[in-house]
Protein backbone atom coordinates (compact mmCIF):
# COMPACT_ATOMS: atom_id res chain seq x y z
CA UNK A 1 -71.76 1.11 8.76
CA UNK A 2 -70.36 0.02 12.14
CA UNK A 3 -72.75 -0.03 15.08
CA UNK A 4 -71.44 2.59 17.56
CA UNK A 5 -72.90 0.58 20.40
CA UNK A 6 -70.60 -2.33 19.60
CA UNK A 7 -66.97 -1.68 20.57
CA UNK A 8 -64.55 -2.29 17.74
CA UNK A 9 -61.88 -4.93 18.06
CA UNK A 10 -58.30 -3.72 18.41
CA UNK A 11 -56.22 -4.45 15.35
CA UNK A 12 -53.18 -5.98 16.95
CA UNK A 13 -51.29 -6.87 13.79
CA UNK A 14 -51.46 -3.61 11.88
CA UNK A 15 -49.05 -1.49 13.99
CA UNK A 16 -46.31 -4.03 13.29
CA UNK A 17 -46.97 -4.34 9.57
CA UNK A 18 -45.35 -1.07 8.52
CA UNK A 19 -42.01 -1.51 10.36
CA UNK A 20 -41.77 -5.13 9.23
CA UNK A 21 -42.35 -4.11 5.61
CA UNK A 22 -39.82 -1.29 5.92
CA UNK A 23 -37.26 -3.65 7.40
CA UNK A 24 -37.79 -6.14 4.58
CA UNK A 25 -37.53 -3.50 1.84
CA UNK A 26 -34.47 -1.84 3.39
CA UNK A 27 -32.82 -5.23 3.92
CA UNK A 28 -33.36 -6.07 0.25
CA UNK A 29 -31.89 -2.73 -0.88
CA UNK A 30 -28.98 -3.08 1.55
CA UNK A 31 -28.28 -6.60 0.26
CA UNK A 32 -28.10 -5.24 -3.27
CA UNK A 33 -25.69 -2.46 -2.25
CA UNK A 34 -23.53 -4.87 -0.23
CA UNK A 35 -23.34 -7.59 -2.88
CA UNK A 36 -22.14 -5.07 -5.45
CA UNK A 37 -19.68 -3.61 -2.94
CA UNK A 38 -18.19 -7.07 -2.41
CA UNK A 39 -18.14 -7.83 -6.12
CA UNK A 40 -16.83 -4.51 -7.44
CA UNK A 41 -14.18 -3.54 -6.82
CA UNK A 42 -14.16 -6.02 -3.93
CA UNK A 43 -13.01 -6.31 -0.33
CA UNK A 44 -9.52 -7.35 -1.44
CA UNK A 45 -9.32 -4.66 -4.10
CA UNK A 46 -6.31 -2.67 -2.87
CA UNK A 47 -3.68 -3.20 -5.60
CA UNK A 48 -1.67 -6.34 -4.87
CA UNK A 49 1.50 -4.78 -6.25
CA UNK A 50 1.31 -2.16 -3.51
CA UNK A 51 0.18 -4.08 -0.44
CA UNK A 52 0.17 -7.78 -1.25
CA UNK A 53 -2.60 -10.22 -2.21
CA UNK A 54 -3.99 -10.72 1.31
CA UNK A 55 -5.21 -7.22 2.10
CA UNK A 56 -8.54 -8.33 3.58
CA UNK A 57 -6.90 -10.68 6.06
CA UNK A 58 -4.23 -8.11 6.83
CA UNK A 59 -6.93 -5.54 7.63
CA UNK A 60 -8.84 -7.90 9.89
CA UNK A 61 -5.75 -8.98 11.82
CA UNK A 62 -3.98 -5.62 11.98
CA UNK A 63 -1.15 -6.30 9.52
CA UNK A 64 -2.20 -3.93 6.74
CA UNK A 65 -0.23 -0.79 5.80
CA UNK A 66 -1.04 2.69 6.99
CA UNK A 67 -3.32 4.59 6.82
CA UNK A 68 -5.80 1.74 6.28
CA UNK A 69 -4.78 -0.31 9.31
CA UNK A 70 -5.65 2.53 11.68
CA UNK A 71 -9.35 2.23 10.74
CA UNK A 72 -10.01 -0.51 13.22
CA UNK A 73 -13.73 -0.57 14.03
CA UNK A 74 -14.86 -3.37 11.72
CA UNK A 75 -11.65 -5.42 12.18
CA UNK A 76 -12.19 -5.30 15.95
CA UNK A 77 -15.81 -6.39 15.59
CA UNK A 78 -14.87 -9.23 13.22
CA UNK A 79 -12.09 -10.48 15.49
CA UNK A 80 -14.42 -10.34 18.50
CA UNK A 81 -17.00 -12.53 16.75
CA UNK A 82 -14.30 -14.94 15.55
CA UNK A 83 -12.96 -15.23 19.09
CA UNK A 84 -16.38 -15.79 20.67
CA UNK A 85 -17.66 -18.29 18.09
CA UNK A 86 -17.12 -21.98 18.98
CA UNK A 87 -14.47 -23.52 16.77
CA UNK A 88 -16.79 -26.20 15.37
CA UNK A 89 -19.46 -23.69 14.35
CA UNK A 90 -16.85 -21.40 12.79
CA UNK A 91 -15.37 -24.28 10.79
CA UNK A 92 -18.79 -25.37 9.53
CA UNK A 93 -19.56 -21.87 8.28
CA UNK A 94 -16.08 -21.51 6.79
CA UNK A 95 -16.49 -24.78 4.85
CA UNK A 96 -19.89 -23.65 3.56
CA UNK A 97 -18.48 -20.33 2.34
CA UNK A 98 -15.55 -22.08 0.66
CA UNK A 99 -17.92 -24.45 -1.10
CA UNK A 100 -20.03 -21.56 -2.45
CA UNK A 101 -17.38 -18.99 -3.29
CA UNK A 102 -13.96 -20.64 -3.67
CA UNK A 103 -12.80 -22.68 -6.66
CA UNK A 104 -9.40 -24.41 -6.76
CA UNK A 105 -8.19 -22.25 -3.87
CA UNK A 106 -9.12 -19.01 -5.69
CA UNK A 107 -9.48 -16.31 -4.64
CA UNK A 108 -6.68 -17.12 -2.24
CA UNK A 109 -7.65 -14.54 0.39
CA UNK A 110 -11.21 -15.90 0.62
CA UNK A 111 -9.92 -19.46 0.86
CA UNK A 112 -7.76 -18.38 3.84
CA UNK A 113 -10.33 -16.20 5.62
CA UNK A 114 -13.81 -17.53 4.78
CA UNK A 115 -15.30 -17.20 8.26
CA UNK A 116 -13.86 -13.72 8.73
CA UNK A 117 -15.39 -12.77 5.40
CA UNK A 118 -18.78 -14.11 6.47
CA UNK A 119 -18.67 -12.13 9.70
CA UNK A 120 -17.52 -8.95 7.92
CA UNK A 121 -20.36 -9.32 5.43
CA UNK A 122 -22.93 -9.43 8.25
CA UNK A 123 -21.31 -6.48 10.06
CA UNK A 124 -21.32 -4.37 6.90
CA UNK A 125 -24.92 -5.33 6.19
CA UNK A 126 -25.98 -4.19 9.66
CA UNK A 127 -24.21 -0.87 9.21
CA UNK A 128 -26.03 -0.39 5.89
CA UNK A 129 -29.33 -1.18 7.56
CA UNK A 130 -28.50 1.26 10.34
CA UNK A 131 -27.68 3.89 7.72
CA UNK A 132 -31.09 3.34 6.10
CA UNK A 133 -33.06 3.93 9.29
CA UNK A 134 -30.85 6.81 10.44
CA UNK A 135 -31.27 8.53 7.07
CA UNK A 136 -35.02 8.03 7.19
CA UNK A 137 -35.23 9.67 10.59
CA UNK A 138 -32.84 12.45 9.53
CA UNK A 139 -35.13 13.21 6.57
CA UNK A 140 -38.12 13.34 8.92
CA UNK A 141 -36.31 15.61 11.37
CA UNK A 142 -34.91 18.05 8.83
CA UNK A 143 -37.40 18.02 5.96
CA UNK A 144 -40.61 17.30 7.85
CA UNK A 145 -41.46 14.42 5.53
CA UNK A 146 -43.71 11.50 6.36
CA UNK A 147 -45.53 8.63 4.71
CA UNK A 148 -44.37 6.91 1.57
CA UNK A 149 -42.20 9.85 0.55
CA UNK A 150 -40.19 9.41 3.74
CA UNK A 151 -40.02 5.64 3.42
CA UNK A 152 -38.45 5.67 -0.05
CA UNK A 153 -35.52 7.94 0.92
CA UNK A 154 -33.31 5.06 2.15
CA UNK A 155 -34.27 2.93 -0.86
CA UNK A 156 -33.05 5.64 -3.23
CA UNK A 157 -29.89 6.08 -1.15
CA UNK A 158 -29.04 2.36 -1.13
CA UNK A 159 -29.74 1.74 -4.80
CA UNK A 160 -27.68 4.82 -5.75
CA UNK A 161 -24.67 3.69 -3.71
CA UNK A 162 -23.05 1.44 -6.36
CA UNK A 163 -22.52 4.52 -8.50
CA UNK A 164 -20.02 5.66 -5.86
CA UNK A 165 -17.97 2.45 -5.90
CA UNK A 166 -14.60 2.39 -7.59
CA UNK A 167 -10.88 1.83 -7.07
CA UNK A 168 -11.22 0.13 -3.66
CA UNK A 169 -13.83 -1.20 -1.23
CA UNK A 170 -12.90 -0.65 2.40
CA UNK A 171 -14.26 -2.11 5.61
CA UNK A 172 -14.66 1.41 7.03
CA UNK A 173 -16.92 2.67 4.23
CA UNK A 174 -20.39 1.61 5.37
CA UNK A 175 -19.70 2.37 9.04
CA UNK A 176 -18.75 5.87 7.89
CA UNK A 177 -22.12 6.25 6.16
CA UNK A 178 -24.07 4.94 9.14
CA UNK A 179 -22.22 6.74 11.93
CA UNK A 180 -21.99 10.10 10.17
CA UNK A 181 -25.69 10.03 9.35
CA UNK A 182 -26.51 9.06 12.93
CA UNK A 183 -24.29 11.88 14.19
CA UNK A 184 -26.15 14.37 12.00
CA UNK A 185 -29.44 13.04 13.37
CA UNK A 186 -28.36 13.65 16.97
CA UNK A 187 -27.19 17.15 16.02
CA UNK A 188 -30.64 17.79 14.55
CA UNK A 189 -32.21 16.57 17.80
CA UNK A 190 -29.78 18.61 19.94
CA UNK A 191 -28.79 15.47 21.87
CA UNK A 192 -25.14 16.00 22.71
CA UNK A 193 -24.22 12.90 24.69
CA UNK A 194 -25.65 10.37 22.22
CA UNK A 195 -23.91 12.41 19.53
CA UNK A 196 -20.64 12.29 21.44
CA UNK A 197 -20.85 8.51 21.82
CA UNK A 198 -21.41 8.12 18.07
CA UNK A 199 -18.53 10.52 17.47
CA UNK A 200 -16.19 8.34 19.55
CA UNK A 201 -17.14 5.20 17.63
CA UNK A 202 -16.83 7.04 14.31
CA UNK A 203 -13.34 8.18 15.32
CA UNK A 204 -12.30 4.59 15.92
CA UNK A 205 -13.63 3.80 12.46
CA UNK A 206 -11.98 6.63 10.49
CA UNK A 207 -10.16 9.90 11.02
CA UNK A 208 -12.72 11.91 9.04
CA UNK A 209 -15.08 11.81 12.04
CA UNK A 210 -13.69 15.25 12.89
CA UNK A 211 -16.04 16.61 10.21
CA UNK A 212 -18.90 15.83 12.59
CA UNK A 213 -17.34 18.26 15.05
CA UNK A 214 -17.35 20.94 12.37
CA UNK A 215 -21.09 20.51 11.75
CA UNK A 216 -21.82 20.33 15.48
CA UNK A 217 -19.80 23.48 16.16
CA UNK A 218 -21.55 25.51 13.45
CA UNK A 219 -24.94 24.45 14.80
CA UNK A 220 -24.02 24.93 18.48
CA UNK A 221 -22.44 28.36 18.03
CA UNK A 222 -25.49 29.56 16.14
CA UNK A 223 -27.92 28.28 18.79
CA UNK A 224 -25.96 28.78 22.01
CA UNK A 225 -23.05 31.09 21.28
CA UNK A 226 -19.34 30.37 21.08
CA UNK A 227 -18.72 30.62 24.80
CA UNK A 228 -21.16 27.83 25.61
CA UNK A 229 -20.10 25.63 22.69
CA UNK A 230 -16.33 25.86 23.26
CA UNK A 231 -15.97 23.34 26.14
CA UNK A 232 -17.84 20.61 24.28
CA UNK A 233 -15.97 21.34 21.06
CA UNK A 234 -12.71 21.03 23.02
CA UNK A 235 -13.92 17.72 24.45
CA UNK A 236 -14.50 16.36 20.94
CA UNK A 237 -11.15 17.56 19.63
CA UNK A 238 -9.36 16.15 22.64
CA UNK A 239 -11.08 12.76 22.25
CA UNK A 240 -10.28 12.72 18.53
CA UNK A 241 -6.60 13.48 19.16
CA UNK A 242 -6.40 10.84 21.88
CA UNK A 243 -8.02 8.06 19.80
CA UNK A 244 -6.29 8.80 16.51
CA UNK A 245 -2.99 9.48 18.26
CA UNK A 246 -3.17 6.14 20.08
CA UNK A 247 -3.96 4.29 16.85
CA UNK A 248 -1.08 6.04 15.06
CA UNK A 249 1.24 4.98 17.87
CA UNK A 250 0.02 1.37 17.86
CA UNK A 251 0.68 1.05 14.13
CA UNK A 252 3.73 3.30 14.01
CA UNK A 253 6.02 0.64 12.56
CA UNK A 254 3.69 -0.48 9.80
CA UNK A 255 4.62 0.13 6.19
CA UNK A 256 2.95 2.84 4.19
CA UNK A 257 2.67 6.61 4.52
CA UNK A 258 0.15 8.36 6.72
CA UNK A 259 -0.98 10.26 3.60
CA UNK A 260 -0.66 9.85 -0.16
CA UNK A 261 0.01 12.98 -2.21
CA UNK A 262 -2.10 12.91 -5.39
CA UNK A 263 -2.32 16.53 -6.54
CA UNK A 264 -0.56 15.98 -9.87
CA UNK A 265 -2.62 12.89 -10.61
CA UNK A 266 -5.89 14.67 -9.77
CA UNK A 267 -5.13 17.68 -11.95
CA UNK A 268 -4.65 15.25 -14.81
CA UNK A 269 -8.03 13.64 -14.09
CA UNK A 270 -9.77 17.01 -14.44
CA UNK A 271 -8.09 17.54 -17.80
CA UNK A 272 -9.31 14.34 -19.47
CA UNK A 273 -12.68 14.79 -21.19
CA UNK A 274 -13.79 11.13 -21.19
CA UNK A 275 -13.72 11.11 -17.39
CA UNK A 276 -16.92 13.17 -17.41
CA UNK A 277 -18.86 10.52 -19.38
CA UNK A 278 -18.10 7.29 -17.51
CA UNK A 279 -20.84 4.74 -16.81
CA UNK A 280 -20.89 1.22 -15.45
CA UNK A 281 -23.42 -1.59 -15.90
CA UNK A 282 -24.55 -3.57 -12.87
CA UNK A 283 -25.98 -7.02 -13.45
CA UNK A 284 -26.95 -6.28 -17.06
CA UNK A 285 -29.97 -4.27 -15.91
CA UNK A 286 -28.77 -1.11 -14.17
CA UNK A 287 -26.52 1.56 -15.68
CA UNK A 288 -24.99 4.02 -13.21
CA UNK A 289 -22.74 7.05 -13.71
CA UNK A 290 -19.36 6.79 -12.02
CA UNK A 291 -16.45 9.04 -11.09
CA UNK A 292 -16.63 12.64 -12.25
CA UNK A 293 -19.60 11.94 -14.49
CA UNK A 294 -21.33 15.10 -15.70
CA UNK A 295 -24.57 13.89 -14.07
CA UNK A 296 -22.97 13.98 -10.62
CA UNK A 297 -21.40 17.36 -11.28
CA UNK A 298 -24.73 18.77 -12.47
CA UNK A 299 -26.41 17.32 -9.38
CA UNK A 300 -23.85 18.99 -7.13
CA UNK A 301 -24.37 22.42 -8.68
CA UNK A 302 -28.13 21.99 -8.57
CA UNK A 303 -27.81 21.14 -4.87
CA UNK A 304 -25.85 24.36 -4.38
CA UNK A 305 -28.63 26.31 -6.08
CA UNK A 306 -31.29 24.62 -3.92
CA UNK A 307 -29.35 25.06 -0.68
CA UNK A 308 -30.86 28.44 0.16
CA UNK A 309 -34.28 26.77 0.47
CA UNK A 310 -33.04 24.02 2.78
CA UNK A 311 -33.37 23.64 6.57
CA UNK A 312 -30.58 25.11 8.65
CA UNK A 313 -28.90 21.81 9.53
CA UNK A 314 -28.45 20.81 5.89
CA UNK A 315 -26.99 24.24 5.17
CA UNK A 316 -24.59 23.83 8.10
CA UNK A 317 -23.59 20.32 7.07
CA UNK A 318 -22.99 21.36 3.47
CA UNK A 319 -19.90 23.26 4.66
CA UNK A 320 -17.99 19.99 5.06
CA UNK A 321 -17.66 19.87 1.28
CA UNK A 322 -14.91 22.53 1.45
CA UNK A 323 -12.38 20.64 3.62
CA UNK A 324 -13.34 17.38 1.93
CA UNK A 325 -12.66 18.81 -1.54
CA UNK A 326 -9.26 20.20 -0.49
CA UNK A 327 -8.23 16.95 1.19
CA UNK A 328 -9.41 14.90 -1.79
CA UNK A 329 -7.51 17.08 -4.24
CA UNK A 330 -4.28 16.81 -2.28
CA UNK A 331 -4.39 13.35 -0.70
CA UNK A 332 -7.05 11.23 -2.41
CA UNK A 333 -8.36 10.15 -5.77
CA UNK A 334 -10.63 13.07 -6.51
CA UNK A 335 -12.88 10.91 -8.70
CA UNK A 336 -13.21 8.18 -6.05
CA UNK A 337 -16.68 8.99 -4.75
CA UNK A 338 -16.54 6.67 -1.73
CA UNK A 339 -14.17 9.12 -0.03
CA UNK A 340 -17.07 11.61 0.14
CA UNK A 341 -19.41 9.35 2.11
CA UNK A 342 -19.63 11.86 4.95
CA UNK A 343 -21.24 14.22 2.44
CA UNK A 344 -23.53 11.58 0.92
CA UNK A 345 -26.54 11.91 3.27
CA UNK A 346 -26.37 15.71 3.11
CA UNK A 347 -26.38 16.13 -0.65
CA UNK A 348 -28.84 13.30 -1.11
CA UNK A 349 -31.42 14.98 1.15
CA UNK A 350 -30.87 18.32 -0.57
CA UNK A 351 -31.39 16.76 -3.99
CA UNK A 352 -34.46 14.80 -2.91
CA UNK A 353 -35.94 17.92 -1.30
CA UNK A 354 -35.32 19.88 -4.48
CA UNK A 355 -36.91 17.15 -6.58
CA UNK A 356 -39.87 17.02 -4.21
CA UNK A 357 -40.38 20.77 -4.57
CA UNK A 358 -40.34 20.47 -8.36
CA UNK A 359 -43.06 17.84 -8.07
CA UNK A 360 -45.14 20.16 -5.91
CA UNK A 361 -44.73 18.55 -2.49
CA UNK A 362 -43.58 21.07 0.15
CA UNK A 363 -44.21 19.83 3.71
CA UNK A 364 -43.81 22.06 6.76
CA UNK A 365 -40.36 22.01 8.36
CA UNK A 366 -41.08 22.74 12.04
CA UNK A 367 -38.40 24.19 14.27
CA UNK A 368 -39.22 21.51 16.86
CA UNK A 369 -37.39 19.07 14.63
CA UNK A 370 -34.07 20.69 15.44
CA UNK A 371 -33.58 22.64 12.25
CA UNK A 372 -34.31 26.21 13.20
CA UNK A 373 -35.15 26.35 16.89
CA UNK A 374 -33.01 27.88 19.61
CA UNK A 375 -33.66 25.32 22.30
CA UNK A 376 -31.43 24.70 25.28
CA UNK A 377 -28.67 22.09 25.04
CA UNK A 378 -29.37 18.48 25.83
């Protein structure tokens, strides 16, 4: 037993151990998700017969067709790093990437843009890492979780991501995950101006950022009333129209439609039985359901059944599934799960909370965490 008369030594290393371990584990899971994202279907995966064989380079340098070219956040970041990097250092890294990944000039796009690819890979990795920590904090804020149970939430999210890959991999995908989750976190904390900043960046990344406004408005009207919420909702809508309108104007003369109309194709997808039993093997060790797999559909309906037990913010955010489903049916590939990334953190937390309840763990969900309280605006 320790002698109470002898003061104990402070343990300087221990407070740092947990965050360092979390960072290492999340980085490993993010690397797995990113490597599979690059491999399948790949960063140059938009069909060559539609948009040419150099889609990655065209995205980075603003030559791609609409609507993809208007999603400029990652291309701007990549071009900024390329511009600021000394030519000799950029060439050294480009040669190293070519040596590792290019054979006989193939793939041609990677042979032409190796340094840009290297930068994009780092940028996407950082967004995945940001998503992991934002999701962890969102789970703590909304579900009241802590300890190991809280720590494993991002690991589950990152290792489940490859099941959502298919058709195309886009530079805007992981920023969408990160920024939308961060926006939900600031809504939970009732911090409007940080939320608004994230909303602006998310709007530069992709037009679906307007779904954040929907969640914010539902939460704000409930807590503060419509009269108080209206000016800030108008500010968000005005900013969204200004940013997306400017981007549409900048790329007005680019090929490609602003929207694709896929209703007939999607109705056919629903009518084909095998589409509900699709799986894919990753690295000969992991089998994941893909597309409209019955496992995902069952999970969605279970989440609906569990929703009544969930914190208010998750109930509010679940409403985005309605406009997303309509837009996907009309203008997207309805079985392309990456187009639902705004919904991913919401349904994942609902499913994990439901699973936790089944296992007998039901932590307190305090109103101070921004889920039920009626606090004043930030």
